[in-house]
């Protein structure tokens, strides 16, 4: 731990890309940054591009124009990707007059056209967000994971999670009576339950669509090695670089909004200094009922309150049996 802290303190945040750097925050268009990056030098590309839904940091485009823009960026990303590298593109839905189009479905052909191979469609589930009145509220986004070849980096052990039944044994065959679970933990699967960064999250900044660090840590640890380069073409407030340097990788990203660049640099510097507060990997999701939170008690009439308590009880039973 001491050696890692000393190593981190030597990291400087650079403005332009060079293979000898450790952390690069480029204030500008990602296509301009990508021009600086040599072919095949990036091991992992992980990003959450603007969803084209009119956020303050994006200019809303027609879907066809949006996809053409994404194609230009994906093409350049593919060029910079190493033969054993991965691209993880995290997206939500394009909303047009109340109708949704899952962006992963319309982006898939673009990745395929550049020869990339899909390995997983990871569902990131969270429990907080906007409440819809004419459809079910959206509580997931998708990470589509592609590799450049069949010979790609994938390290499962660093991202294993606790076994559900660690005492389970083989009941027949040559291994009967032996423990059947991997002692290091189980594969986390392709549905990840990780809280999103909302108002009371320890990592919250003024960015409206911020990555939780633990989400990117899982990708960094499983798809790269120490000293590898991790690229985020839409950096936001620096989460991907934070996850990269936390685990001995190098991080580079581009961001056009100056205030987010400043926040990113500040957060990365805090990570280097060992003072950045983040939610730990694999920390259990907060359960307000188990924590005794008083606002879980319904203030409505007895009949409505009874229904609400019944629903809460059902959820507790489901959680206990999982």
Protein backbone atom coordinates (compact mmCIF):
# COMPACT_ATOMS: atom_id res chain seq x y z
CA UNK A 1 0.00 0.00 0.00
CA UNK A 2 2.83 2.42 0.89
CA UNK A 3 4.65 1.61 -2.38
CA UNK A 4 1.44 2.20 -4.35
CA UNK A 5 0.84 5.55 -2.62
CA UNK A 6 4.39 6.68 -3.37
CA UNK A 7 3.95 5.61 -6.99
CA UNK A 8 0.69 7.55 -7.32
CA UNK A 9 2.25 10.73 -5.95
CA UNK A 10 4.68 10.76 -8.87
CA UNK A 11 1.86 10.94 -11.43
CA UNK A 12 1.39 14.24 -13.25
CA UNK A 13 -1.75 15.10 -15.19
CA UNK A 14 -0.78 15.90 -18.78
CA UNK A 15 -2.70 17.85 -21.42
CA UNK A 16 -1.59 15.84 -24.45
CA UNK A 17 -0.99 12.18 -25.13
CA UNK A 18 2.42 10.58 -24.97
CA UNK A 19 3.18 6.92 -24.34
CA UNK A 20 5.37 7.85 -21.36
CA UNK A 21 2.59 9.71 -19.54
CA UNK A 22 0.36 8.20 -16.86
CA UNK A 23 -2.71 10.46 -16.80
CA UNK A 24 -3.90 12.62 -19.70
CA UNK A 25 -6.90 14.96 -19.60
CA UNK A 26 -7.44 16.47 -23.04
CA UNK A 27 -9.65 19.57 -23.14
CA UNK A 28 -11.18 19.22 -26.59
CA UNK A 29 -12.85 16.96 -29.12
CA UNK A 30 -12.02 13.28 -28.77
CA UNK A 31 -11.31 12.98 -32.51
CA UNK A 32 -8.48 15.47 -32.09
CA UNK A 33 -7.12 13.49 -29.13
CA UNK A 34 -7.37 10.22 -31.05
CA UNK A 35 -5.14 11.67 -33.77
CA UNK A 36 -2.34 11.86 -31.16
CA UNK A 37 -2.65 8.17 -30.18
CA UNK A 38 -0.59 5.60 -32.14
CA UNK A 39 -2.19 2.52 -33.69
CA UNK A 40 -2.71 -0.41 -31.33
CA UNK A 41 -1.52 1.38 -28.18
CA UNK A 42 -4.70 1.23 -26.07
CA UNK A 43 -5.70 -1.91 -24.16
CA UNK A 44 -9.14 -0.86 -22.93
CA UNK A 45 -11.57 1.74 -24.20
CA UNK A 46 -14.45 2.40 -21.83
CA UNK A 47 -16.89 5.25 -22.14
CA UNK A 48 -20.42 6.52 -21.84
CA UNK A 49 -21.04 8.74 -24.87
CA UNK A 50 -23.76 11.41 -24.86
CA UNK A 51 -27.12 9.72 -25.42
CA UNK A 52 -28.42 12.48 -27.68
CA UNK A 53 -31.25 13.37 -25.31
CA UNK A 54 -30.51 17.08 -24.90
CA UNK A 55 -28.31 17.20 -21.78
CA UNK A 56 -26.50 20.46 -21.14
CA UNK A 57 -23.24 19.06 -22.49
CA UNK A 58 -24.63 17.69 -25.76
CA UNK A 59 -26.22 19.06 -28.91
CA UNK A 60 -29.24 16.97 -29.87
CA UNK A 61 -28.96 15.41 -33.32
CA UNK A 62 -31.28 13.37 -35.47
CA UNK A 63 -30.63 9.69 -34.82
CA UNK A 64 -29.06 9.13 -38.26
CA UNK A 65 -26.59 11.99 -37.73
CA UNK A 66 -25.85 10.81 -34.19
CA UNK A 67 -24.98 7.31 -35.40
CA UNK A 68 -22.75 8.73 -38.15
CA UNK A 69 -20.92 10.78 -35.51
CA UNK A 70 -20.50 7.73 -33.30
CA UNK A 71 -19.23 5.69 -36.26
CA UNK A 72 -16.40 8.16 -36.88
CA UNK A 73 -15.32 7.95 -33.26
CA UNK A 74 -15.65 4.16 -33.05
CA UNK A 75 -13.55 3.79 -36.21
CA UNK A 76 -10.71 5.82 -34.68
CA UNK A 77 -11.02 3.99 -31.35
CA UNK A 78 -10.71 0.67 -33.17
CA UNK A 79 -7.52 1.89 -34.85
CA UNK A 80 -5.93 2.73 -31.50
CA UNK A 81 -7.00 -0.55 -29.87
CA UNK A 82 -4.44 -3.31 -29.32
CA UNK A 83 -4.98 -6.77 -30.79
CA UNK A 84 -5.90 -8.13 -27.35
CA UNK A 85 -7.91 -5.06 -26.39
CA UNK A 86 -11.54 -4.41 -25.51
CA UNK A 87 -14.11 -1.68 -26.08
CA UNK A 88 -16.88 -1.19 -23.53
CA UNK A 89 -19.56 1.25 -24.73
CA UNK A 90 -22.11 2.09 -22.04
CA UNK A 91 -25.40 3.48 -23.33
CA UNK A 92 -29.04 4.01 -22.49
CA UNK A 93 -32.00 4.87 -24.69
CA UNK A 94 -32.60 7.49 -27.37
CA UNK A 95 -35.96 9.13 -26.63
CA UNK A 96 -38.01 10.58 -29.48
CA UNK A 97 -41.43 12.03 -28.58
CA UNK A 98 -41.90 9.52 -25.79
CA UNK A 99 -40.79 6.54 -27.87
CA UNK A 100 -37.50 4.87 -26.91
CA UNK A 101 -34.82 3.29 -29.08
CA UNK A 102 -32.20 1.20 -27.20
CA UNK A 103 -28.92 2.66 -28.41
CA UNK A 104 -26.99 -0.58 -28.02
CA UNK A 105 -29.17 -2.20 -30.68
CA UNK A 106 -28.54 0.50 -33.28
CA UNK A 107 -24.84 0.83 -32.43
CA UNK A 108 -24.13 -2.90 -32.67
CA UNK A 109 -23.94 -2.98 -36.51
CA UNK A 110 -21.35 -0.19 -36.43
CA UNK A 111 -19.01 -2.17 -34.16
CA UNK A 112 -19.62 -5.28 -36.24
CA UNK A 113 -18.75 -3.44 -39.47
CA UNK A 114 -15.34 -2.57 -38.01
CA UNK A 115 -14.64 -6.26 -37.35
CA UNK A 116 -15.21 -6.14 -33.60
CA UNK A 117 -16.64 -9.17 -31.81
CA UNK A 118 -19.24 -8.88 -29.06
CA UNK A 119 -18.43 -10.79 -25.87
CA UNK A 120 -21.15 -9.59 -23.51
CA UNK A 121 -24.15 -7.33 -23.24
CA UNK A 122 -23.89 -6.30 -19.59
CA UNK A 123 -26.95 -4.89 -17.87
CA UNK A 124 -26.14 -2.28 -15.23
CA UNK A 125 -29.10 -2.11 -12.85
CA UNK A 126 -29.68 0.72 -10.37
CA UNK A 127 -32.67 1.71 -8.27
CA UNK A 128 -32.84 5.48 -8.54
CA UNK A 129 -33.61 7.84 -11.41
CA UNK A 130 -36.38 9.78 -13.11
CA UNK A 131 -39.94 8.64 -12.49
CA UNK A 132 -42.06 8.02 -15.59
CA UNK A 133 -45.84 8.39 -15.70
CA UNK A 134 -46.61 6.86 -19.11
CA UNK A 135 -44.18 3.91 -19.05
CA UNK A 136 -42.16 1.98 -16.48
CA UNK A 137 -39.30 4.02 -15.04
CA UNK A 138 -35.92 3.21 -16.56
CA UNK A 139 -33.62 1.50 -14.07
CA UNK A 140 -30.89 0.01 -16.21
CA UNK A 141 -28.32 0.86 -18.85
CA UNK A 142 -26.27 -1.41 -21.08
CA UNK A 143 -22.54 -1.97 -21.48
CA UNK A 144 -21.74 -3.60 -24.81
CA UNK A 145 -18.33 -5.26 -24.70
CA UNK A 146 -16.41 -5.92 -27.92
CA UNK A 147 -12.93 -7.28 -28.57
CA UNK A 148 -10.65 -6.78 -31.55
CA UNK A 149 -9.73 -10.46 -31.83
CA UNK A 150 -10.35 -13.86 -30.29
CA UNK A 151 -7.10 -13.55 -28.36
CA UNK A 152 -8.21 -10.98 -25.80
CA UNK A 153 -7.41 -10.18 -22.17
CA UNK A 154 -9.95 -11.36 -19.62
CA UNK A 155 -9.00 -11.76 -15.96
CA UNK A 156 -11.88 -13.18 -13.92
CA UNK A 157 -10.17 -13.66 -10.53
CA UNK A 158 -9.76 -9.94 -9.64
CA UNK A 159 -13.48 -9.30 -10.08
CA UNK A 160 -15.04 -12.40 -8.52
CA UNK A 161 -17.79 -11.78 -5.99
CA UNK A 162 -18.75 -13.80 -2.87
CA UNK A 163 -20.37 -17.18 -3.46
CA UNK A 164 -24.05 -17.51 -2.63
CA UNK A 165 -23.52 -21.01 -1.18
CA UNK A 166 -19.81 -21.28 -0.28
CA UNK A 167 -20.40 -24.53 1.63
CA UNK A 168 -21.98 -26.34 -1.33
CA UNK A 169 -20.43 -29.73 -2.20
CA UNK A 170 -20.55 -32.13 -5.12
CA UNK A 171 -23.20 -34.76 -4.29
CA UNK A 172 -22.10 -37.42 -6.78
CA UNK A 173 -19.29 -38.44 -9.10
CA UNK A 174 -15.55 -38.57 -8.45
CA UNK A 175 -15.65 -35.26 -6.57
CA UNK A 176 -18.54 -36.21 -4.26
CA UNK A 177 -18.14 -34.59 -0.86
CA UNK A 178 -15.67 -31.97 -2.12
CA UNK A 179 -16.55 -28.29 -2.14
CA UNK A 180 -17.88 -27.29 -5.55
CA UNK A 181 -17.44 -23.51 -5.35
CA UNK A 182 -14.35 -21.59 -6.36
CA UNK A 183 -12.79 -20.36 -3.07
CA UNK A 184 -11.95 -17.02 -4.72
CA UNK A 185 -15.62 -16.32 -5.41
CA UNK A 186 -17.99 -16.59 -8.35
CA UNK A 187 -18.29 -14.96 -11.74
CA UNK A 188 -20.32 -11.73 -11.29
CA UNK A 189 -22.43 -12.54 -14.35
CA UNK A 190 -23.79 -10.06 -16.87
CA UNK A 191 -26.27 -8.23 -14.61
CA UNK A 192 -24.46 -5.80 -12.32
CA UNK A 193 -26.32 -4.19 -9.43
CA UNK A 194 -24.32 -1.06 -8.65
CA UNK A 195 -25.83 2.20 -7.30
CA UNK A 196 -25.78 5.08 -9.77
CA UNK A 197 -24.34 8.44 -8.76
CA UNK A 198 -27.29 10.46 -7.47
CA UNK A 199 -27.70 13.27 -4.91
CA UNK A 200 -26.45 11.53 -1.76
CA UNK A 201 -23.78 9.37 -3.43
CA UNK A 202 -20.32 9.97 -1.98
CA UNK A 203 -18.88 10.58 -5.47
CA UNK A 204 -21.51 13.10 -6.68
CA UNK A 205 -20.32 16.13 -8.65
CA UNK A 206 -22.36 18.56 -10.76
CA UNK A 207 -22.13 16.27 -13.80
CA UNK A 208 -25.65 14.90 -14.49
CA UNK A 209 -24.59 11.47 -15.80
CA UNK A 210 -21.57 10.40 -13.79
CA UNK A 211 -20.02 6.92 -13.76
CA UNK A 212 -19.56 5.26 -10.34
CA UNK A 213 -15.87 4.37 -9.97
CA UNK A 214 -16.61 0.77 -8.96
CA UNK A 215 -18.34 0.11 -12.28
CA UNK A 216 -15.20 1.03 -14.22
CA UNK A 217 -12.89 -0.73 -11.76
CA UNK A 218 -14.51 -4.05 -12.64
CA UNK A 219 -13.83 -3.46 -16.35
CA UNK A 220 -10.28 -2.21 -15.77
CA UNK A 221 -9.31 -5.16 -13.58
CA UNK A 222 -10.81 -7.80 -15.86
CA UNK A 223 -9.73 -6.44 -19.26
CA UNK A 224 -6.27 -4.95 -18.75
CA UNK A 225 -2.95 -5.41 -16.98
CA UNK A 226 -0.86 -3.01 -14.93
CA UNK A 227 0.77 -0.26 -17.01
CA UNK A 228 -1.77 -0.72 -19.85
CA UNK A 229 -3.53 2.31 -21.33
CA UNK A 230 -7.24 2.91 -20.63
CA UNK A 231 -8.99 5.43 -22.90
CA UNK A 232 -12.28 7.28 -22.37
CA UNK A 233 -13.25 9.41 -25.41
CA UNK A 234 -16.04 11.12 -23.41
CA UNK A 235 -14.28 11.58 -20.09
CA UNK A 236 -16.80 13.64 -18.14
CA UNK A 237 -15.41 14.19 -14.65
CA UNK A 238 -12.54 11.73 -14.88
CA UNK A 239 -13.93 8.49 -13.44
CA UNK A 240 -12.29 6.19 -16.01
CA UNK A 241 -8.84 7.66 -15.38
CA UNK A 242 -9.38 7.40 -11.63
CA UNK A 243 -10.23 3.69 -11.94
CA UNK A 244 -7.22 3.15 -14.20
CA UNK A 245 -4.53 4.78 -12.06
CA UNK A 246 -6.03 3.28 -8.89
CA UNK A 247 -5.01 -0.12 -10.23
CA UNK A 248 -1.65 0.78 -11.74
CA UNK A 249 -2.85 1.48 -15.29
CA UNK A 250 -2.43 4.61 -17.40
CA UNK A 251 -5.49 6.72 -18.21
CA UNK A 252 -6.35 9.13 -21.01
CA UNK A 253 -9.57 10.92 -21.89
CA UNK A 254 -11.09 13.86 -23.76
CA UNK A 255 -13.72 16.30 -22.53
CA UNK A 256 -15.05 19.41 -24.28
CA UNK A 257 -16.75 21.10 -21.29
CA UNK A 258 -14.14 23.11 -19.42
CA UNK A 259 -15.82 22.94 -16.02
CA UNK A 260 -15.88 19.14 -16.23
CA UNK A 261 -12.20 19.14 -17.23
CA UNK A 262 -11.42 21.13 -14.08
CA UNK A 263 -13.47 18.75 -11.92
CA UNK A 264 -11.79 15.75 -13.55
CA UNK A 265 -8.30 17.10 -12.87
CA UNK A 266 -9.21 17.86 -9.28
CA UNK A 267 -10.67 14.39 -8.68
CA UNK A 268 -7.70 12.66 -10.32
CA UNK A 269 -5.31 14.69 -8.19
CA UNK A 270 -7.27 13.67 -5.09
CA UNK A 271 -6.93 10.04 -6.17
CA UNK A 272 -3.19 10.52 -6.60
CA UNK A 273 -3.01 12.08 -3.13
CA UNK A 274 -5.10 9.28 -1.64
CA UNK A 275 -7.90 11.61 -0.52
CA UNK A 276 -10.67 10.90 -3.05
CA UNK A 277 -13.82 9.48 -1.46
CA UNK A 278 -15.46 6.71 -3.47
CA UNK A 279 -17.89 3.87 -2.88
CA UNK A 280 -15.86 0.66 -2.36
CA UNK A 281 -16.11 -2.17 -4.88
CA UNK A 282 -18.56 -4.93 -3.91
CA UNK A 283 -20.06 -2.98 -1.02
CA UNK A 284 -23.63 -4.29 -0.47
CA UNK A 285 -26.41 -2.10 -1.81
CA UNK A 286 -27.98 -0.04 0.96
CA UNK A 287 -31.19 -1.55 2.37
CA UNK A 288 -33.17 1.21 4.18
CA UNK A 289 -35.47 -1.22 5.99
CA UNK A 290 -32.61 -3.26 7.43
CA UNK A 291 -30.83 -0.03 8.37
CA UNK A 292 -33.87 1.11 10.38
CA UNK A 293 -34.43 4.22 8.29
CA UNK A 294 -37.52 5.93 9.75
CA UNK A 295 -38.82 7.20 6.42
CA UNK A 296 -39.62 3.63 5.38
CA UNK A 297 -42.68 3.89 7.66
CA UNK A 298 -45.69 4.82 5.52
CA UNK A 299 -47.50 8.05 6.60
CA UNK A 300 -50.75 7.16 4.75
CA UNK A 301 -54.01 5.71 6.04
CA UNK A 302 -53.92 2.25 7.62
CA UNK A 303 -55.22 0.39 4.56
CA UNK A 304 -52.67 1.95 2.20
CA UNK A 305 -49.89 1.56 4.78
CA UNK A 306 -50.69 -2.13 5.13
CA UNK A 307 -50.28 -2.61 1.38
CA UNK A 308 -46.99 -0.74 1.43
CA UNK A 309 -45.70 -2.82 4.36
CA UNK A 310 -46.73 -5.98 2.54
CA UNK A 311 -44.72 -4.92 -0.51
CA UNK A 312 -41.69 -4.11 1.65
CA UNK A 313 -42.00 -7.49 3.39
CA UNK A 314 -42.10 -9.25 0.02
CA UNK A 315 -38.93 -7.44 -1.01
CA UNK A 316 -37.20 -8.47 2.24
CA UNK A 317 -38.16 -12.10 1.67
CA UNK A 318 -36.88 -11.97 -1.92
CA UNK A 319 -33.58 -10.47 -0.76
CA UNK A 320 -33.18 -13.09 1.95
CA UNK A 321 -33.73 -15.96 -0.47
CA UNK A 322 -31.37 -14.71 -3.17
